[in-house]
Amino acid sequence: MKKLQIILRPDKLEALKELLTGLDVGGITVSSVMGCGIQKGDTGGEIRGLRVSNMNLLPKIQADIVVADEAVEGLLLAIHENISTGRVGDGKVFVIDVQNAMRIRTGERGGNAI
């Protein structure tokens, strides 16, 4: 199992939810977060090679999903194709190994728990 931690623009959350629904992803956890990447919160676009001394945190959405290993590559491609605007600040997806999972209500473990 893999956890996909998806950091994206707030206006792309509905597109992500539609995408995941269409791919039969069973669950999602969503949080409002603040952050910035290498652009340090500058939305102008071209900052590579320039020293930015002020870090601006921008509003983002963090969506966490857990899926079977074989679903990861297709999800990554679909996220890129449907969520990318091609502009700085589109976000990132982190793929994290999940050793086990348990459904609290039933005690089911592993893939059956997700």
PDB file of N, CA and C in Angstrom:
ATOM      1  N   MET A   1       0.848  -1.183   0.000  1.00  0.00           N
ATOM      2  CA  MET A   1       0.000   0.000   0.000  1.00  0.00           C
ATOM      3  C   MET A   1       0.887   1.237   0.000  1.00  0.00           C
ATOM      4  N   LYS A   2       0.366   2.286  -0.585  1.00  0.00           N
ATOM      5  CA  LYS A   2       1.067   3.566  -0.639  1.00  0.00           C
ATOM      6  C   LYS A   2       0.117   4.672  -0.216  1.00  0.00           C
ATOM      7  N   LYS A   3       0.678   5.640   0.487  1.00  0.00           N
ATOM      8  CA  LYS A   3      -0.060   6.855   0.821  1.00  0.00           C
ATOM      9  C   LYS A   3       0.395   7.934  -0.151  1.00  0.00           C
ATOM     10  N   LEU A   4      -0.552   8.561  -0.822  1.00  0.00           N
ATOM     11  CA  LEU A   4      -0.255   9.710  -1.658  1.00  0.00           C
ATOM     12  C   LEU A   4      -0.643  10.954  -0.887  1.00  0.00           C
ATOM     13  N   GLN A   5       0.337  11.775  -0.591  1.00  0.00           N
ATOM     14  CA  GLN A   5       0.115  13.047   0.088  1.00  0.00           C
ATOM     15  C   GLN A   5       0.172  14.104  -1.017  1.00  0.00           C
ATOM     16  N   ILE A   6      -0.986  14.646  -1.335  1.00  0.00           N
ATOM     17  CA  ILE A   6      -1.132  15.539  -2.481  1.00  0.00           C
ATOM     18  C   ILE A   6      -1.294  16.967  -1.968  1.00  0.00           C
ATOM     19  N   ILE A   7      -0.360  17.833  -2.345  1.00  0.00           N
ATOM     20  CA  ILE A   7      -0.426  19.245  -1.986  1.00  0.00           C
ATOM     21  C   ILE A   7      -0.806  19.993  -3.264  1.00  0.00           C
ATOM     22  N   LEU A   8      -1.925  20.732  -3.229  1.00  0.00           N
ATOM     23  CA  LEU A   8      -2.401  21.368  -4.454  1.00  0.00           C
ATOM     24  C   LEU A   8      -3.049  22.713  -4.170  1.00  0.00           C
ATOM     25  N   ARG A   9      -3.315  23.430  -5.246  1.00  0.00           N
ATOM     26  CA  ARG A   9      -4.007  24.717  -5.161  1.00  0.00           C
ATOM     27  C   ARG A   9      -5.431  24.484  -4.646  1.00  0.00           C
ATOM     28  N   PRO A  10      -5.930  25.365  -3.789  1.00  0.00           N
ATOM     29  CA  PRO A  10      -7.293  25.189  -3.267  1.00  0.00           C
ATOM     30  C   PRO A  10      -8.359  25.084  -4.355  1.00  0.00           C
ATOM     31  N   ASP A  11      -8.197  25.815  -5.449  1.00  0.00           N
ATOM     32  CA  ASP A  11      -9.212  25.786  -6.505  1.00  0.00           C
ATOM     33  C   ASP A  11      -9.194  24.477  -7.307  1.00  0.00           C
ATOM     34  N   LYS A  12      -8.264  23.590  -7.044  1.00  0.00           N
ATOM     35  CA  LYS A  12      -8.182  22.310  -7.748  1.00  0.00           C
ATOM     36  C   LYS A  12      -8.748  21.148  -6.935  1.00  0.00           C
ATOM     37  N   LEU A  13      -9.258  21.414  -5.734  1.00  0.00           N
ATOM     38  CA  LEU A  13      -9.776  20.341  -4.891  1.00  0.00           C
ATOM     39  C   LEU A  13     -10.960  19.634  -5.542  1.00  0.00           C
ATOM     40  N   GLU A  14     -11.897  20.363  -6.104  1.00  0.00           N
ATOM     41  CA  GLU A  14     -13.063  19.726  -6.727  1.00  0.00           C
ATOM     42  C   GLU A  14     -12.642  18.844  -7.897  1.00  0.00           C
ATOM     43  N   ALA A  15     -11.683  19.302  -8.687  1.00  0.00           N
ATOM     44  CA  ALA A  15     -11.185  18.498  -9.804  1.00  0.00           C
ATOM     45  C   ALA A  15     -10.533  17.215  -9.286  1.00  0.00           C
ATOM     46  N   LEU A  16      -9.793  17.312  -8.178  1.00  0.00           N
ATOM     47  CA  LEU A  16      -9.180  16.125  -7.588  1.00  0.00           C
ATOM     48  C   LEU A  16     -10.240  15.156  -7.082  1.00  0.00           C
ATOM     49  N   LYS A  17     -11.267  15.673  -6.411  1.00  0.00           N
ATOM     50  CA  LYS A  17     -12.333  14.799  -5.906  1.00  0.00           C
ATOM     51  C   LYS A  17     -13.042  14.082  -7.051  1.00  0.00           C
ATOM     52  N   GLU A  18     -13.329  14.780  -8.125  1.00  0.00           N
ATOM     53  CA  GLU A  18     -13.967  14.156  -9.291  1.00  0.00           C
ATOM     54  C   GLU A  18     -13.066  13.081  -9.893  1.00  0.00           C
ATOM     55  N   LEU A  19     -11.786  13.382  -9.994  1.00  0.00           N
ATOM     56  CA  LEU A  19     -10.824  12.431 -10.531  1.00  0.00           C
ATOM     57  C   LEU A  19     -10.785  11.159  -9.689  1.00  0.00           C
ATOM     58  N   LEU A  20     -10.679  11.324  -8.369  1.00  0.00           N
ATOM     59  CA  LEU A  20     -10.589  10.165  -7.474  1.00  0.00           C
ATOM     60  C   LEU A  20     -11.881   9.361  -7.486  1.00  0.00           C
ATOM     61  N   THR A  21     -13.017  10.036  -7.570  1.00  0.00           N
ATOM     62  CA  THR A  21     -14.298   9.330  -7.655  1.00  0.00           C
ATOM     63  C   THR A  21     -14.363   8.505  -8.928  1.00  0.00           C
ATOM     64  N   GLY A  22     -13.920   9.068 -10.031  1.00  0.00           N
ATOM     65  CA  GLY A  22     -13.920   8.361 -11.304  1.00  0.00           C
ATOM     66  C   GLY A  22     -12.990   7.162 -11.333  1.00  0.00           C
ATOM     67  N   LEU A  23     -11.965   7.181 -10.477  1.00  0.00           N
ATOM     68  CA  LEU A  23     -11.010   6.074 -10.416  1.00  0.00           C
ATOM     69  C   LEU A  23     -11.299   5.126  -9.254  1.00  0.00           C
ATOM     70  N   ASP A  24     -12.473   5.277  -8.631  1.00  0.00           N
ATOM     71  CA  ASP A  24     -12.910   4.412  -7.527  1.00  0.00           C
ATOM     72  C   ASP A  24     -11.955   4.402  -6.338  1.00  0.00           C
ATOM     73  N   VAL A  25     -11.347   5.555  -6.040  1.00  0.00           N
ATOM     74  CA  VAL A  25     -10.546   5.666  -4.822  1.00  0.00           C
ATOM     75  C   VAL A  25     -11.524   5.832  -3.671  1.00  0.00           C
ATOM     76  N   GLY A  26     -11.415   4.952  -2.672  1.00  0.00           N
ATOM     77  CA  GLY A  26     -12.438   4.852  -1.641  1.00  0.00           C
ATOM     78  C   GLY A  26     -12.471   5.936  -0.597  1.00  0.00           C
ATOM     79  N   GLY A  27     -11.367   6.549  -0.242  1.00  0.00           N
ATOM     80  CA  GLY A  27     -11.387   7.519   0.840  1.00  0.00           C
ATOM     81  C   GLY A  27     -10.347   8.602   0.645  1.00  0.00           C
ATOM     82  N   ILE A  28     -10.581   9.717   1.309  1.00  0.00           N
ATOM     83  CA  ILE A  28      -9.684  10.869   1.214  1.00  0.00           C
ATOM     84  C   ILE A  28      -9.771  11.644   2.517  1.00  0.00           C
ATOM     85  N   THR A  29      -8.644  12.147   2.955  1.00  0.00           N
ATOM     86  CA  THR A  29      -8.587  13.066   4.093  1.00  0.00           C
ATOM     87  C   THR A  29      -8.048  14.383   3.567  1.00  0.00           C
ATOM     88  N   VAL A  30      -8.738  15.483   3.866  1.00  0.00           N
ATOM     89  CA  VAL A  30      -8.367  16.793   3.326  1.00  0.00           C
ATOM     90  C   VAL A  30      -8.116  17.766   4.469  1.00  0.00           C
ATOM     91  N   SER A  31      -7.023  18.528   4.331  1.00  0.00           N
ATOM     92  CA  SER A  31      -6.670  19.552   5.316  1.00  0.00           C
ATOM     93  C   SER A  31      -6.319  20.850   4.602  1.00  0.00           C
ATOM     94  N   SER A  32      -6.638  21.972   5.225  1.00  0.00           N
ATOM     95  CA  SER A  32      -6.166  23.268   4.740  1.00  0.00           C
ATOM     96  C   SER A  32      -4.804  23.512   5.364  1.00  0.00           C
ATOM     97  N   VAL A  33      -3.834  23.812   4.534  1.00  0.00           N
ATOM     98  CA  VAL A  33      -2.468  24.021   5.015  1.00  0.00           C
ATOM     99  C   VAL A  33      -1.906  25.290   4.389  1.00  0.00           C
ATOM    100  N   MET A  34      -0.771  25.717   4.888  1.00  0.00           N
ATOM    101  CA  MET A  34      -0.048  26.855   4.330  1.00  0.00           C
ATOM    102  C   MET A  34       1.362  26.382   4.015  1.00  0.00           C
ATOM    103  N   GLY A  35       1.936  26.888   2.926  1.00  0.00           N
ATOM    104  CA  GLY A  35       3.294  26.487   2.606  1.00  0.00           C
ATOM    105  C   GLY A  35       3.803  27.147   1.350  1.00  0.00           C
ATOM    106  N   CYS A  36       5.030  26.814   1.032  1.00  0.00           N
ATOM    107  CA  CYS A  36       5.641  27.284  -0.207  1.00  0.00           C
ATOM    108  C   CYS A  36       6.739  26.312  -0.593  1.00  0.00           C
ATOM    109  N   GLY A  37       7.100  26.345  -1.845  1.00  0.00           N
ATOM    110  CA  GLY A  37       8.172  25.503  -2.347  1.00  0.00           C
ATOM    111  C   GLY A  37       9.387  26.342  -2.648  1.00  0.00           C
ATOM    112  N   ILE A  38      10.124  25.929  -3.675  1.00  0.00           N
ATOM    113  CA  ILE A  38      11.362  26.635  -3.993  1.00  0.00           C
ATOM    114  C   ILE A  38      11.131  28.073  -4.430  1.00  0.00           C
ATOM    115  N   GLN A  39       9.905  28.389  -4.842  1.00  0.00           N
ATOM    116  CA  GLN A  39       9.625  29.765  -5.267  1.00  0.00           C
ATOM    117  C   GLN A  39       9.411  30.693  -4.076  1.00  0.00           C
ATOM    118  N   LYS A  40       9.386  30.145  -2.873  1.00  0.00           N
ATOM    119  CA  LYS A  40       9.256  30.925  -1.627  1.00  0.00           C
ATOM    120  C   LYS A  40       7.979  31.755  -1.591  1.00  0.00           C
ATOM    121  N   GLY A  41       6.939  31.264  -2.253  1.00  0.00           N
ATOM    122  CA  GLY A  41       5.665  31.957  -2.232  1.00  0.00           C
ATOM    123  C   GLY A  41       5.503  33.012  -3.295  1.00  0.00           C
ATOM    124  N   ASP A  42       6.513  33.190  -4.135  1.00  0.00           N
ATOM    125  CA  ASP A  42       6.432  34.157  -5.224  1.00  0.00           C
ATOM    126  C   ASP A  42       5.657  33.519  -6.366  1.00  0.00           C
ATOM    127  N   THR A  43       4.576  34.132  -6.802  1.00  0.00           N
ATOM    128  CA  THR A  43       3.765  33.558  -7.873  1.00  0.00           C
ATOM    129  C   THR A  43       4.113  34.149  -9.237  1.00  0.00           C
ATOM    130  N   GLY A  44       5.181  34.932  -9.310  1.00  0.00           N
ATOM    131  CA  GLY A  44       5.588  35.553 -10.566  1.00  0.00           C
ATOM    132  C   GLY A  44       6.104  34.569 -11.598  1.00  0.00           C
ATOM    133  N   GLY A  45       6.638  33.461 -11.163  1.00  0.00           N
ATOM    134  CA  GLY A  45       7.058  32.442 -12.105  1.00  0.00           C
ATOM    135  C   GLY A  45       8.559  32.259 -12.211  1.00  0.00           C
ATOM    136  N   GLU A  46       9.308  33.265 -12.627  1.00  0.00           N
ATOM    137  CA  GLU A  46      10.734  33.090 -12.856  1.00  0.00           C
ATOM    138  C   GLU A  46      11.534  33.543 -11.660  1.00  0.00           C
ATOM    139  N   ILE A  47      12.003  32.577 -10.853  1.00  0.00           N
ATOM    140  CA  ILE A  47      12.813  32.944  -9.700  1.00  0.00           C
ATOM    141  C   ILE A  47      14.081  32.121  -9.621  1.00  0.00           C
ATOM    142  N   ARG A  48      14.212  31.132 -10.476  1.00  0.00           N
ATOM    143  CA  ARG A  48      15.418  30.296 -10.435  1.00  0.00           C
ATOM    144  C   ARG A  48      16.643  31.179 -10.639  1.00  0.00           C
ATOM    145  N   GLY A  49      17.633  30.984  -9.794  1.00  0.00           N
ATOM    146  CA  GLY A  49      18.844  31.774  -9.889  1.00  0.00           C
ATOM    147  C   GLY A  49      18.788  33.079  -9.135  1.00  0.00           C
ATOM    148  N   LEU A  50      17.590  33.496  -8.719  1.00  0.00           N
ATOM    149  CA  LEU A  50      17.456  34.724  -7.949  1.00  0.00           C
ATOM    150  C   LEU A  50      17.349  34.394  -6.472  1.00  0.00           C
ATOM    151  N   ARG A  51      17.956  35.197  -5.644  1.00  0.00           N
ATOM    152  CA  ARG A  51      17.887  34.987  -4.207  1.00  0.00           C
ATOM    153  C   ARG A  51      16.637  35.693  -3.676  1.00  0.00           C
ATOM    154  N   VAL A  52      15.713  34.903  -3.101  1.00  0.00           N
ATOM    155  CA  VAL A  52      14.484  35.453  -2.536  1.00  0.00           C
ATOM    156  C   VAL A  52      14.678  35.488  -1.028  1.00  0.00           C
ATOM    157  N   SER A  53      14.608  36.684  -0.446  1.00  0.00           N
ATOM    158  CA  SER A  53      14.907  36.801   0.979  1.00  0.00           C
ATOM    159  C   SER A  53      13.666  36.713   1.855  1.00  0.00           C
ATOM    160  N   ASN A  54      12.471  36.821   1.275  1.00  0.00           N
ATOM    161  CA  ASN A  54      11.249  36.789   2.062  1.00  0.00           C
ATOM    162  C   ASN A  54      10.436  35.569   1.674  1.00  0.00           C
ATOM    163  N   MET A  55      10.037  34.763   2.656  1.00  0.00           N
ATOM    164  CA  MET A  55       9.269  33.563   2.386  1.00  0.00           C
ATOM    165  C   MET A  55       7.798  33.845   2.659  1.00  0.00           C
ATOM    166  N   ASN A  56       6.963  33.733   1.628  1.00  0.00           N
ATOM    167  CA  ASN A  56       5.530  33.946   1.768  1.00  0.00           C
ATOM    168  C   ASN A  56       4.819  32.597   1.762  1.00  0.00           C
ATOM    169  N   LEU A  57       4.079  32.318   2.816  1.00  0.00           N
ATOM    170  CA  LEU A  57       3.315  31.077   2.866  1.00  0.00           C
ATOM    171  C   LEU A  57       1.989  31.286   2.152  1.00  0.00           C
ATOM    172  N   LEU A  58       1.662  30.352   1.274  1.00  0.00           N
ATOM    173  CA  LEU A  58       0.450  30.441   0.475  1.00  0.00           C
ATOM    174  C   LEU A  58      -0.545  29.381   0.924  1.00  0.00           C
ATOM    175  N   PRO A  59      -1.846  29.657   0.811  1.00  0.00           N
ATOM    176  CA  PRO A  59      -2.844  28.644   1.172  1.00  0.00           C
ATOM    177  C   PRO A  59      -2.800  27.485   0.177  1.00  0.00           C
ATOM    178  N   LYS A  60      -2.804  26.287   0.701  1.00  0.00           N
ATOM    179  CA  LYS A  60      -2.808  25.067  -0.111  1.00  0.00           C
ATOM    180  C   LYS A  60      -3.787  24.079   0.513  1.00  0.00           C
ATOM    181  N   ILE A  61      -4.069  23.029  -0.208  1.00  0.00           N
ATOM    182  CA  ILE A  61      -4.873  21.916   0.281  1.00  0.00           C
ATOM    183  C   ILE A  61      -3.975  20.690   0.320  1.00  0.00           C
ATOM    184  N   GLN A  62      -4.052  19.927   1.411  1.00  0.00           N
ATOM    185  CA  GLN A  62      -3.356  18.648   1.488  1.00  0.00           C
ATOM    186  C   GLN A  62      -4.407  17.555   1.500  1.00  0.00           C
ATOM    187  N   ALA A  63      -4.332  16.673   0.514  1.00  0.00           N
ATOM    188  CA  ALA A  63      -5.251  15.538   0.420  1.00  0.00           C
ATOM    189  C   ALA A  63      -4.426  14.270   0.577  1.00  0.00           C
ATOM    190  N   ASP A  64      -4.839  13.402   1.480  1.00  0.00           N
ATOM    191  CA  ASP A  64      -4.154  12.141   1.717  1.00  0.00           C
ATOM    192  C   ASP A  64      -5.057  10.993   1.309  1.00  0.00           C
ATOM    193  N   ILE A  65      -4.502  10.081   0.503  1.00  0.00           N
ATOM    194  CA  ILE A  65      -5.227   8.874   0.129  1.00  0.00           C
ATOM    195  C   ILE A  65      -4.278   7.688   0.281  1.00  0.00           C
ATOM    196  N   VAL A  66      -4.830   6.513   0.522  1.00  0.00           N
ATOM    197  CA  VAL A  66      -4.040   5.286   0.576  1.00  0.00           C
ATOM    198  C   VAL A  66      -4.609   4.340  -0.468  1.00  0.00           C
ATOM    199  N   VAL A  67      -3.715   3.811  -1.307  1.00  0.00           N
ATOM    200  CA  VAL A  67      -4.131   2.951  -2.409  1.00  0.00           C
ATOM    201  C   VAL A  67      -3.200   1.746  -2.509  1.00  0.00           C
ATOM    202  N   ALA A  68      -3.640   0.764  -3.274  1.00  0.00           N
ATOM    203  CA  ALA A  68      -2.806  -0.405  -3.562  1.00  0.00           C
ATOM    204  C   ALA A  68      -1.603   0.028  -4.394  1.00  0.00           C
ATOM    205  N   ASP A  69      -0.488  -0.673  -4.241  1.00  0.00           N
ATOM    206  CA  ASP A  69       0.746  -0.335  -4.952  1.00  0.00           C
ATOM    207  C   ASP A  69       0.536  -0.210  -6.459  1.00  0.00           C
ATOM    208  N   GLU A  70      -0.247  -1.125  -7.024  1.00  0.00           N
ATOM    209  CA  GLU A  70      -0.414  -1.138  -8.480  1.00  0.00           C
ATOM    210  C   GLU A  70      -1.243   0.039  -9.000  1.00  0.00           C
ATOM    211  N   ALA A  71      -1.916   0.773  -8.134  1.00  0.00           N
ATOM    212  CA  ALA A  71      -2.731   1.915  -8.559  1.00  0.00           C
ATOM    213  C   ALA A  71      -1.943   3.217  -8.609  1.00  0.00           C
ATOM    214  N   VAL A  72      -0.748   3.241  -8.043  1.00  0.00           N
ATOM    215  CA  VAL A  72      -0.013   4.494  -7.863  1.00  0.00           C
ATOM    216  C   VAL A  72       0.343   5.159  -9.187  1.00  0.00           C
ATOM    217  N   GLU A  73       0.935   4.437 -10.104  1.00  0.00           N
ATOM    218  CA  GLU A  73       1.405   5.061 -11.342  1.00  0.00           C
ATOM    219  C   GLU A  73       0.259   5.675 -12.138  1.00  0.00           C
ATOM    220  N   GLY A  74      -0.853   4.963 -12.250  1.00  0.00           N
ATOM    221  CA  GLY A  74      -2.014   5.502 -12.952  1.00  0.00           C
ATOM    222  C   GLY A  74      -2.569   6.742 -12.284  1.00  0.00           C
ATOM    223  N   LEU A  75      -2.582   6.754 -10.957  1.00  0.00           N
ATOM    224  CA  LEU A  75      -3.050   7.930 -10.224  1.00  0.00           C
ATOM    225  C   LEU A  75      -2.130   9.126 -10.442  1.00  0.00           C
ATOM    226  N   LEU A  76      -0.830   8.892 -10.401  1.00  0.00           N
ATOM    227  CA  LEU A  76       0.110   9.991 -10.612  1.00  0.00           C
ATOM    228  C   LEU A  76      -0.066  10.604 -12.000  1.00  0.00           C
ATOM    229  N   LEU A  77      -0.219   9.772 -13.004  1.00  0.00           N
ATOM    230  CA  LEU A  77      -0.432  10.284 -14.360  1.00  0.00           C
ATOM    231  C   LEU A  77      -1.741  11.059 -14.460  1.00  0.00           C
ATOM    232  N   ALA A  78      -2.804  10.524 -13.872  1.00  0.00           N
ATOM    233  CA  ALA A  78      -4.106  11.191 -13.920  1.00  0.00           C
ATOM    234  C   ALA A  78      -4.079  12.520 -13.172  1.00  0.00           C
ATOM    235  N   ILE A  79      -3.409  12.559 -12.035  1.00  0.00           N
ATOM    236  CA  ILE A  79      -3.298  13.811 -11.277  1.00  0.00           C
ATOM    237  C   ILE A  79      -2.558  14.857 -12.108  1.00  0.00           C
ATOM    238  N   HIS A  80      -1.453  14.456 -12.711  1.00  0.00           N
ATOM    239  CA  HIS A  80      -0.698  15.402 -13.541  1.00  0.00           C
ATOM    240  C   HIS A  80      -1.547  15.919 -14.702  1.00  0.00           C
ATOM    241  N   GLU A  81      -2.223  15.025 -15.391  1.00  0.00           N
ATOM    242  CA  GLU A  81      -3.010  15.410 -16.564  1.00  0.00           C
ATOM    243  C   GLU A  81      -4.204  16.290 -16.218  1.00  0.00           C
ATOM    244  N   ASN A  82      -4.800  16.100 -15.034  1.00  0.00           N
ATOM    245  CA  ASN A  82      -6.045  16.793 -14.694  1.00  0.00           C
ATOM    246  C   ASN A  82      -5.896  17.964 -13.732  1.00  0.00           C
ATOM    247  N   ILE A  83      -4.798  18.020 -13.002  1.00  0.00           N
ATOM    248  CA  ILE A  83      -4.647  19.051 -11.969  1.00  0.00           C
ATOM    249  C   ILE A  83      -3.633  20.122 -12.365  1.00  0.00           C
ATOM    250  N   SER A  84      -2.675  19.790 -13.196  1.00  0.00           N
ATOM    251  CA  SER A  84      -1.611  20.723 -13.562  1.00  0.00           C
ATOM    252  C   SER A  84      -2.149  21.920 -14.340  1.00  0.00           C
ATOM    253  N   THR A  85      -1.696  23.117 -13.948  1.00  0.00           N
ATOM    254  CA  THR A  85      -1.982  24.321 -14.720  1.00  0.00           C
ATOM    255  C   THR A  85      -0.761  24.728 -15.538  1.00  0.00           C
ATOM    256  N   GLY A  86       0.380  24.110 -15.218  1.00  0.00           N
ATOM    257  CA  GLY A  86       1.624  24.473 -15.878  1.00  0.00           C
ATOM    258  C   GLY A  86       2.300  25.683 -15.269  1.00  0.00           C
ATOM    259  N   ARG A  87       1.754  26.177 -14.162  1.00  0.00           N
ATOM    260  CA  ARG A  87       2.314  27.363 -13.505  1.00  0.00           C
ATOM    261  C   ARG A  87       3.020  26.968 -12.212  1.00  0.00           C
ATOM    262  N   VAL A  88       3.943  27.818 -11.775  1.00  0.00           N
ATOM    263  CA  VAL A  88       4.611  27.625 -10.494  1.00  0.00           C
ATOM    264  C   VAL A  88       3.555  27.563  -9.402  1.00  0.00           C
ATOM    265  N   GLY A  89       3.710  26.635  -8.461  1.00  0.00           N
ATOM    266  CA  GLY A  89       2.782  26.541  -7.344  1.00  0.00           C
ATOM    267  C   GLY A  89       1.677  25.513  -7.522  1.00  0.00           C
ATOM    268  N   ASP A  90       1.749  24.707  -8.578  1.00  0.00           N
ATOM    269  CA  ASP A  90       0.728  23.667  -8.786  1.00  0.00           C
ATOM    270  C   ASP A  90       0.717  22.649  -7.652  1.00  0.00           C
ATOM    271  N   GLY A  91       1.855  22.394  -7.035  1.00  0.00           N
ATOM    272  CA  GLY A  91       1.901  21.482  -5.897  1.00  0.00           C
ATOM    273  C   GLY A  91       2.824  20.303  -6.121  1.00  0.00           C
ATOM    274  N   LYS A  92       2.688  19.325  -5.230  1.00  0.00           N
ATOM    275  CA  LYS A  92       3.523  18.135  -5.260  1.00  0.00           C
ATOM    276  C   LYS A  92       2.688  16.950  -4.811  1.00  0.00           C
ATOM    277  N   VAL A  93       3.169  15.747  -5.166  1.00  0.00           N
ATOM    278  CA  VAL A  93       2.605  14.509  -4.641  1.00  0.00           C
ATOM    279  C   VAL A  93       3.758  13.727  -4.042  1.00  0.00           C
ATOM    280  N   PHE A  94       3.633  13.358  -2.784  1.00  0.00           N
ATOM    281  CA  PHE A  94       4.623  12.531  -2.116  1.00  0.00           C
ATOM    282  C   PHE A  94       4.054  11.127  -2.000  1.00  0.00           C
ATOM    283  N   VAL A  95       4.837  10.133  -2.385  1.00  0.00           N
ATOM    284  CA  VAL A  95       4.422   8.735  -2.320  1.00  0.00           C
ATOM    285  C   VAL A  95       5.166   8.093  -1.151  1.00  0.00           C
ATOM    286  N   ILE A  96       4.392   7.589  -0.189  1.00  0.00           N
ATOM    287  CA  ILE A  96       4.950   7.087   1.067  1.00  0.00           C
ATOM    288  C   ILE A  96       4.505   5.642   1.264  1.00  0.00           C
ATOM    289  N   ASP A  97       5.446   4.778   1.626  1.00  0.00           N
ATOM    290  CA  ASP A  97       5.105   3.382   1.924  1.00  0.00           C
ATOM    291  C   ASP A  97       4.227   3.297   3.168  1.00  0.00           C
ATOM    292  N   VAL A  98       3.192   2.466   3.095  1.00  0.00           N
ATOM    293  CA  VAL A  98       2.328   2.188   4.247  1.00  0.00           C
ATOM    294  C   VAL A  98       2.505   0.706   4.579  1.00  0.00           C
ATOM    295  N   GLN A  99       3.001   0.434   5.760  1.00  0.00           N
ATOM    296  CA  GLN A  99       3.266  -0.953   6.133  1.00  0.00           C
ATOM    297  C   GLN A  99       2.001  -1.730   6.432  1.00  0.00           C
ATOM    298  N   ASN A 100       1.040  -1.081   7.038  1.00  0.00           N
ATOM    299  CA  ASN A 100      -0.198  -1.769   7.403  1.00  0.00           C
ATOM    300  C   ASN A 100      -1.268  -0.725   7.660  1.00  0.00           C
ATOM    301  N   ALA A 101      -2.501  -1.170   7.698  1.00  0.00           N
ATOM    302  CA  ALA A 101      -3.638  -0.319   8.038  1.00  0.00           C
ATOM    303  C   ALA A 101      -4.644  -1.178   8.783  1.00  0.00           C
ATOM    304  N   MET A 102      -5.450  -0.539   9.627  1.00  0.00           N
ATOM    305  CA  MET A 102      -6.487  -1.267  10.341  1.00  0.00           C
ATOM    306  C   MET A 102      -7.752  -0.421  10.388  1.00  0.00           C
ATOM    307  N   ARG A 103      -8.869  -1.037  10.048  1.00  0.00           N
ATOM    308  CA  ARG A 103     -10.162  -0.382  10.188  1.00  0.00           C
ATOM    309  C   ARG A 103     -10.570  -0.548  11.645  1.00  0.00           C
ATOM    310  N   ILE A 104     -10.738   0.550  12.357  1.00  0.00           N
ATOM    311  CA  ILE A 104     -11.021   0.503  13.793  1.00  0.00           C
ATOM    312  C   ILE A 104     -12.320  -0.242  14.088  1.00  0.00           C
ATOM    313  N   ARG A 105     -13.353   0.007  13.301  1.00  0.00           N
ATOM    314  CA  ARG A 105     -14.665  -0.591  13.560  1.00  0.00           C
ATOM    315  C   ARG A 105     -14.634  -2.116  13.539  1.00  0.00           C
ATOM    316  N   THR A 106     -13.944  -2.700  12.547  1.00  0.00           N
ATOM    317  CA  THR A 106     -13.996  -4.154  12.365  1.00  0.00           C
ATOM    318  C   THR A 106     -12.697  -4.881  12.712  1.00  0.00           C
ATOM    319  N   GLY A 107     -11.608  -4.147  12.785  1.00  0.00           N
ATOM    320  CA  GLY A 107     -10.313  -4.767  13.021  1.00  0.00           C
ATOM    321  C   GLY A 107      -9.669  -5.318  11.748  1.00  0.00           C
ATOM    322  N   GLU A 108     -10.329  -5.113  10.579  1.00  0.00           N
ATOM    323  CA  GLU A 108      -9.738  -5.571   9.317  1.00  0.00           C
ATOM    324  C   GLU A 108      -8.382  -4.922   9.119  1.00  0.00           C
ATOM    325  N   ARG A 109      -7.475  -5.668   8.497  1.00  0.00           N
ATOM    326  CA  ARG A 109      -6.095  -5.191   8.303  1.00  0.00           C
ATOM    327  C   ARG A 109      -5.704  -5.192   6.838  1.00  0.00           C
ATOM    328  N   GLY A 110      -4.640  -4.463   6.545  1.00  0.00           N
ATOM    329  CA  GLY A 110      -4.071  -4.440   5.204  1.00  0.00           C
ATOM    330  C   GLY A 110      -4.994  -3.815   4.181  1.00  0.00           C
ATOM    331  N   GLY A 111      -4.948  -4.364   2.965  1.00  0.00           N
ATOM    332  CA  GLY A 111      -5.750  -3.838   1.865  1.00  0.00           C
ATOM    333  C   GLY A 111      -7.237  -3.862   2.133  1.00  0.00           C
ATOM    334  N   ASN A 112      -7.722  -4.801   2.941  1.00  0.00           N
ATOM    335  CA  ASN A 112      -9.140  -4.852   3.270  1.00  0.00           C
ATOM    336  C   ASN A 112      -9.578  -3.674   4.109  1.00  0.00           C
ATOM    337  N   ALA A 113      -8.637  -3.037   4.790  1.00  0.00           N
ATOM    338  CA  ALA A 113      -8.959  -1.903   5.652  1.00  0.00           C
ATOM    339  C   ALA A 113      -9.106  -0.596   4.869  1.00  0.00           C
ATOM    340  N   ILE A 114      -8.585  -0.588   3.658  1.00  0.00           N
ATOM    341  CA  ILE A 114      -8.699   0.647   2.877  1.00  0.00           C
ATOM    342  C   ILE A 114      -9.799   0.499   1.852  1.00  0.00           C
TER     343      ILE A 114
END
